[in-house]
């Protein structure tokens, strides 16, 4: 339960902010290309309640599936609050960045622009050196960029429109089509990376929205629905990077991850769908 709680919490927690997980960035990039800008704060208002509920649900499911053998877990964690000049600089830069992110509606500076503050200031102030920059998880950044590129290419080349003609979505209606995209996203993301799934399905949602002449709020609902739901697909190690890292520890069996991930994911997609149709329209 403890070994699974870390990757599952990372998957769920990543939904809360635009920077938390690659599918969020892919969804926001698609909306930005359409001129529909969702602020950092608005995304949090939409997603944080879902995350709060799902963290509780995930905790209870893990305790039910894997009952603790003892009532108490003793952890000896040693550490002190660092007050070195470099540490203080880091605290200030971190605090400034987060403050500007959550107050985006007040000053109007996009979250993507605010993100350049730590990128520029930390190396300039010698908090990060060349060696540490080389050790960044560049593969994750390229994965995000690749997903966005694939999504843009699918849309611009007309492949999204062609694929939509092969799927009888029009017979489902707007609500049914958005629901179908959400369920499809959950199923596919369990078998492949959630980032790849988002990069494929988000352009399809955009294409369907344009062909169906949907309103801006409905387009946002559909795109964010897919972006969020794929993060709840965590049955297999391949589904998300946190799952793969946890599986490499040797403490988890694939069957245990699949069982717990399925139950948590099913609750998650039901909650996200309900929020998309009843809660999000009040915000968007």
Protein backbone atom coordinates (compact mmCIF):
# COMPACT_ATOMS: atom_id res chain seq x y z
CA UNK A 1 0.00 0.00 0.00
CA UNK A 2 2.80 2.41 0.86
CA UNK A 3 4.71 1.66 -2.34
CA UNK A 4 1.59 2.17 -4.46
CA UNK A 5 0.51 5.29 -2.61
CA UNK A 6 3.45 7.32 -3.92
CA UNK A 7 2.90 6.83 -7.69
CA UNK A 8 -0.89 6.95 -7.38
CA UNK A 9 -0.73 10.19 -5.38
CA UNK A 10 1.66 11.62 -7.98
CA UNK A 11 -0.76 10.68 -10.78
CA UNK A 12 -3.73 12.19 -8.97
CA UNK A 13 -1.90 15.24 -7.63
CA UNK A 14 -0.54 16.11 -11.06
CA UNK A 15 -4.08 16.91 -12.21
CA UNK A 16 -4.36 19.84 -9.79
CA UNK A 17 -2.24 22.38 -11.70
CA UNK A 18 -1.39 23.04 -15.36
CA UNK A 19 2.26 22.13 -14.72
CA UNK A 20 1.51 18.92 -12.83
CA UNK A 21 1.54 16.41 -15.68
CA UNK A 22 2.15 16.39 -19.48
CA UNK A 23 -1.51 15.76 -20.51
CA UNK A 24 -2.45 19.04 -18.79
CA UNK A 25 0.06 20.92 -20.92
CA UNK A 26 -1.19 19.22 -24.09
CA UNK A 27 -4.80 20.15 -23.30
CA UNK A 28 -3.90 23.77 -22.53
CA UNK A 29 -1.74 24.05 -25.65
CA UNK A 30 -4.67 22.88 -27.80
CA UNK A 31 -6.99 25.41 -26.19
CA UNK A 32 -4.45 28.21 -26.59
CA UNK A 33 -4.15 27.44 -30.30
CA UNK A 34 -7.90 28.01 -30.55
CA UNK A 35 -7.71 31.28 -28.66
CA UNK A 36 -9.26 29.79 -25.52
CA UNK A 37 -6.97 30.66 -22.63
CA UNK A 38 -7.44 28.96 -19.26
CA UNK A 39 -5.60 30.67 -16.42
CA UNK A 40 -3.56 28.82 -13.81
CA UNK A 41 -6.10 29.69 -11.12
CA UNK A 42 -9.10 28.63 -13.20
CA UNK A 43 -7.52 25.23 -13.86
CA UNK A 44 -6.97 24.79 -10.12
CA UNK A 45 -10.57 25.71 -9.36
CA UNK A 46 -11.69 23.06 -11.83
CA UNK A 47 -9.26 20.33 -10.76
CA UNK A 48 -8.35 20.70 -7.07
CA UNK A 49 -11.75 19.51 -5.75
CA UNK A 50 -11.41 16.38 -7.89
CA UNK A 51 -7.90 15.75 -6.61
CA UNK A 52 -8.94 16.22 -2.98
CA UNK A 53 -11.76 13.69 -3.30
CA UNK A 54 -9.64 11.20 -5.25
CA UNK A 55 -6.75 11.32 -2.78
CA UNK A 56 -9.18 10.32 -0.05
CA UNK A 57 -10.74 7.62 -2.24
CA UNK A 58 -7.33 6.27 -3.24
CA UNK A 59 -6.17 6.17 0.38
CA UNK A 60 -9.26 4.20 1.45
CA UNK A 61 -9.04 1.75 -1.48
CA UNK A 62 -5.38 1.00 -0.78
CA UNK A 63 -6.12 0.36 2.90
CA UNK A 64 -8.99 -1.97 2.01
CA UNK A 65 -7.01 -3.93 -0.60
CA UNK A 66 -3.79 -4.06 1.43
CA UNK A 67 -4.62 -3.90 5.16
CA UNK A 68 -1.67 -2.69 7.26
CA UNK A 69 0.02 -5.35 9.37
CA UNK A 70 0.60 -2.92 12.23
CA UNK A 71 -1.14 0.13 13.67
CA UNK A 72 1.94 2.33 13.76
CA UNK A 73 4.71 3.18 11.31
CA UNK A 74 7.80 4.78 12.81
CA UNK A 75 9.82 6.98 10.46
CA UNK A 76 13.14 8.50 11.44
CA UNK A 77 13.42 11.52 9.18
CA UNK A 78 16.38 13.74 9.88
CA UNK A 79 16.73 17.13 8.28
CA UNK A 80 17.10 20.78 9.13
CA UNK A 81 15.82 23.95 7.51
CA UNK A 82 18.64 25.21 5.31
CA UNK A 83 19.52 28.89 5.67
CA UNK A 84 22.42 29.10 3.22
CA UNK A 85 22.39 31.99 0.72
CA UNK A 86 21.62 29.65 -2.18
CA UNK A 87 18.77 28.05 -0.24
CA UNK A 88 17.28 31.45 0.59
CA UNK A 89 17.46 32.45 -3.08
CA UNK A 90 15.64 29.24 -3.98
CA UNK A 91 12.89 29.94 -1.46
CA UNK A 92 12.36 33.46 -2.82
CA UNK A 93 12.32 32.37 -6.47
CA UNK A 94 10.00 29.47 -5.70
CA UNK A 95 7.63 31.65 -3.68
CA UNK A 96 7.59 34.39 -6.35
CA UNK A 97 6.89 31.89 -9.14
CA UNK A 98 4.03 30.18 -7.31
CA UNK A 99 2.55 33.54 -6.25
CA UNK A 100 2.53 34.81 -9.84
CA UNK A 101 1.04 31.52 -11.05
CA UNK A 102 -1.91 31.54 -8.66
CA UNK A 103 -2.57 35.27 -9.18
CA UNK A 104 -2.48 35.11 -12.97
CA UNK A 105 -5.98 36.60 -13.23
CA UNK A 106 -4.86 39.71 -11.35
CA UNK A 107 -1.74 40.62 -13.34
CA UNK A 108 -2.45 38.87 -16.65
CA UNK A 109 1.03 37.36 -17.10
CA UNK A 110 0.59 33.89 -18.67
CA UNK A 111 1.80 30.91 -16.63
CA UNK A 112 4.15 29.96 -19.46
CA UNK A 113 5.88 33.33 -19.18
CA UNK A 114 6.08 33.13 -15.38
CA UNK A 115 7.81 29.76 -15.76
CA UNK A 116 10.81 31.55 -17.24
CA UNK A 117 11.53 33.16 -13.85
CA UNK A 118 13.13 30.06 -12.26
CA UNK A 119 14.57 28.99 -15.62
CA UNK A 120 16.45 32.28 -15.91
CA UNK A 121 17.11 33.27 -12.30
CA UNK A 122 18.33 30.02 -10.76
CA UNK A 123 21.23 29.50 -13.22
CA UNK A 124 21.99 33.25 -13.27
CA UNK A 125 22.25 33.33 -9.46
CA UNK A 126 24.44 30.17 -9.42
CA UNK A 127 21.84 28.04 -7.68
CA UNK A 128 22.08 25.62 -10.61
CA UNK A 129 25.32 24.93 -12.46
CA UNK A 130 26.05 23.24 -15.78
CA UNK A 131 26.29 19.76 -14.26
CA UNK A 132 22.88 20.02 -12.60
CA UNK A 133 21.28 21.39 -15.76
CA UNK A 134 22.64 18.45 -17.73
CA UNK A 135 21.04 16.11 -15.19
CA UNK A 136 17.56 17.51 -15.79
CA UNK A 137 15.01 14.88 -16.93
CA UNK A 138 15.19 16.17 -20.48
CA UNK A 139 13.44 13.06 -21.78
CA UNK A 140 10.29 14.14 -19.91
CA UNK A 141 10.44 17.63 -21.42
CA UNK A 142 10.93 16.19 -24.90
CA UNK A 143 8.05 13.82 -24.25
CA UNK A 144 5.77 16.77 -23.50
CA UNK A 145 7.02 18.71 -26.53
CA UNK A 146 6.65 15.64 -28.73
CA UNK A 147 3.10 15.10 -27.55
CA UNK A 148 2.17 18.70 -28.30
CA UNK A 149 3.82 18.45 -31.73
CA UNK A 150 1.96 15.26 -32.59
CA UNK A 151 -1.31 16.83 -31.49
CA UNK A 152 -0.72 19.95 -33.60
CA UNK A 153 0.28 17.84 -36.60
CA UNK A 154 -2.80 15.63 -36.36
CA UNK A 155 -4.98 18.73 -36.36
CA UNK A 156 -3.17 20.76 -39.04
CA UNK A 157 -2.75 17.93 -41.56
CA UNK A 158 -6.44 17.10 -41.46
CA UNK A 159 -5.80 13.64 -40.00
CA UNK A 160 -8.09 14.47 -37.05
CA UNK A 161 -10.96 15.29 -39.42
CA UNK A 162 -10.36 12.11 -41.40
CA UNK A 163 -10.38 9.99 -38.24
CA UNK A 164 -13.59 11.65 -37.09
CA UNK A 165 -15.31 10.65 -40.31
CA UNK A 166 -14.56 7.02 -39.43
CA UNK A 167 -16.19 7.30 -36.01
CA UNK A 168 -20.01 7.69 -35.80
CA UNK A 169 -19.84 10.38 -33.12
CA UNK A 170 -22.56 12.53 -34.62
CA UNK A 171 -25.17 9.92 -33.73
CA UNK A 172 -24.20 10.21 -30.07
CA UNK A 173 -24.86 13.93 -29.75
CA UNK A 174 -22.58 16.42 -28.04
CA UNK A 175 -22.91 14.98 -24.54
CA UNK A 176 -22.54 11.40 -25.73
CA UNK A 177 -19.50 12.22 -27.88
CA UNK A 178 -17.68 13.99 -25.05
CA UNK A 179 -18.51 11.08 -22.77
CA UNK A 180 -17.22 8.62 -25.39
CA UNK A 181 -13.94 10.54 -25.72
CA UNK A 182 -13.48 10.42 -21.95
CA UNK A 183 -14.08 6.69 -21.66
CA UNK A 184 -11.90 6.00 -24.71
CA UNK A 185 -9.12 8.13 -23.22
CA UNK A 186 -9.21 6.15 -19.99
CA UNK A 187 -9.10 2.78 -21.76
CA UNK A 188 -6.33 3.70 -24.20
CA UNK A 189 -4.16 5.43 -21.58
CA UNK A 190 -4.12 2.25 -19.51
CA UNK A 191 -2.42 0.46 -22.40
CA UNK A 192 -0.06 3.19 -23.60
CA UNK A 193 1.41 6.36 -22.10
CA UNK A 194 -1.16 8.89 -20.89
CA UNK A 195 0.85 11.59 -22.68
CA UNK A 196 0.62 9.78 -26.02
CA UNK A 197 -3.10 9.21 -25.47
CA UNK A 198 -3.70 12.89 -24.76
CA UNK A 199 -1.67 13.92 -27.82
CA UNK A 200 -3.86 11.71 -30.02
CA UNK A 201 -7.31 12.30 -28.54
CA UNK A 202 -7.17 16.02 -27.71
CA UNK A 203 -6.89 17.01 -31.41
CA UNK A 204 -9.82 14.70 -32.15
CA UNK A 205 -11.90 16.45 -29.50
CA UNK A 206 -10.93 19.80 -31.02
CA UNK A 207 -11.84 18.56 -34.51
CA UNK A 208 -15.21 17.26 -33.31
CA UNK A 209 -15.87 20.54 -31.53
CA UNK A 210 -15.18 22.53 -34.71
CA UNK A 211 -17.25 20.30 -36.98
CA UNK A 212 -20.08 20.30 -34.47
CA UNK A 213 -20.00 24.10 -34.05
CA UNK A 214 -19.83 23.79 -30.28
CA UNK A 215 -19.58 26.76 -27.96
CA UNK A 216 -16.31 27.72 -26.32
CA UNK A 217 -17.34 26.37 -22.91
CA UNK A 218 -18.24 22.98 -24.42
CA UNK A 219 -14.91 22.82 -26.25
CA UNK A 220 -13.04 23.57 -23.03
CA UNK A 221 -15.08 20.94 -21.20
CA UNK A 222 -14.26 18.25 -23.74
CA UNK A 223 -10.55 19.02 -23.99
CA UNK A 224 -10.00 19.27 -20.24
CA UNK A 225 -12.11 16.15 -19.67
CA UNK A 226 -9.74 14.08 -21.82
CA UNK A 227 -6.65 15.77 -20.36
CA UNK A 228 -7.71 14.96 -16.82
CA UNK A 229 -9.16 11.49 -17.33
CA UNK A 230 -6.00 10.05 -18.91
CA UNK A 231 -4.11 10.83 -15.70
CA UNK A 232 -6.43 8.44 -13.86
CA UNK A 233 -5.36 5.56 -16.10
CA UNK A 234 -2.83 3.83 -13.86
CA UNK A 235 -3.40 0.10 -14.10
CA UNK A 236 -0.05 -0.75 -15.69
CA UNK A 237 3.56 0.41 -15.28
CA UNK A 238 3.56 1.83 -18.81
CA UNK A 239 0.57 4.10 -18.15
CA UNK A 240 2.45 6.85 -16.28
CA UNK A 241 6.09 7.62 -15.39
CA UNK A 242 5.36 7.40 -11.61
CA UNK A 243 4.00 3.88 -12.12
CA UNK A 244 7.09 2.84 -14.05
CA UNK A 245 9.42 4.26 -11.38
CA UNK A 246 7.48 2.54 -8.60
CA UNK A 247 7.51 -0.79 -10.42
CA UNK A 248 11.29 -0.57 -10.81
CA UNK A 249 11.61 -0.62 -7.01
CA UNK A 250 10.75 -4.33 -6.97
CA UNK A 251 8.21 -3.82 -4.16
CA UNK A 252 5.11 -4.00 -6.35
CA UNK A 253 3.49 -6.76 -8.37
CA UNK A 254 1.79 -5.86 -11.64
CA UNK A 255 -1.40 -7.56 -10.49
CA UNK A 256 -1.55 -5.43 -7.36
CA UNK A 257 -1.04 -2.24 -9.36
CA UNK A 258 -3.70 -3.28 -11.89
CA UNK A 259 -6.24 -4.14 -9.20
CA UNK A 260 -5.82 -0.94 -7.22
CA UNK A 261 -5.39 1.23 -10.30
CA UNK A 262 -8.59 -0.11 -11.87
CA UNK A 263 -10.74 0.66 -8.82
CA UNK A 264 -9.28 4.12 -8.27
CA UNK A 265 -9.47 4.91 -11.98
CA UNK A 266 -13.12 3.89 -12.31
CA UNK A 267 -14.11 6.14 -9.41
CA UNK A 268 -11.99 8.88 -10.96
CA UNK A 269 -13.58 8.84 -14.42
CA UNK A 270 -17.09 8.86 -12.91
CA UNK A 271 -16.16 11.85 -10.73
CA UNK A 272 -14.51 13.73 -13.63
CA UNK A 273 -17.50 13.15 -15.93
CA UNK A 274 -19.91 14.38 -13.26
CA UNK A 275 -17.78 17.48 -12.69
CA UNK A 276 -17.52 18.13 -16.44
CA UNK A 277 -21.28 18.24 -16.86
CA UNK A 278 -22.42 19.74 -13.55
CA UNK A 279 -19.55 21.60 -11.82
CA UNK A 280 -17.30 22.94 -14.60
CA UNK A 281 -20.14 24.78 -16.47
CA UNK A 282 -20.54 26.97 -13.38
CA UNK A 283 -16.88 28.04 -13.65
CA UNK A 284 -16.28 28.24 -17.40
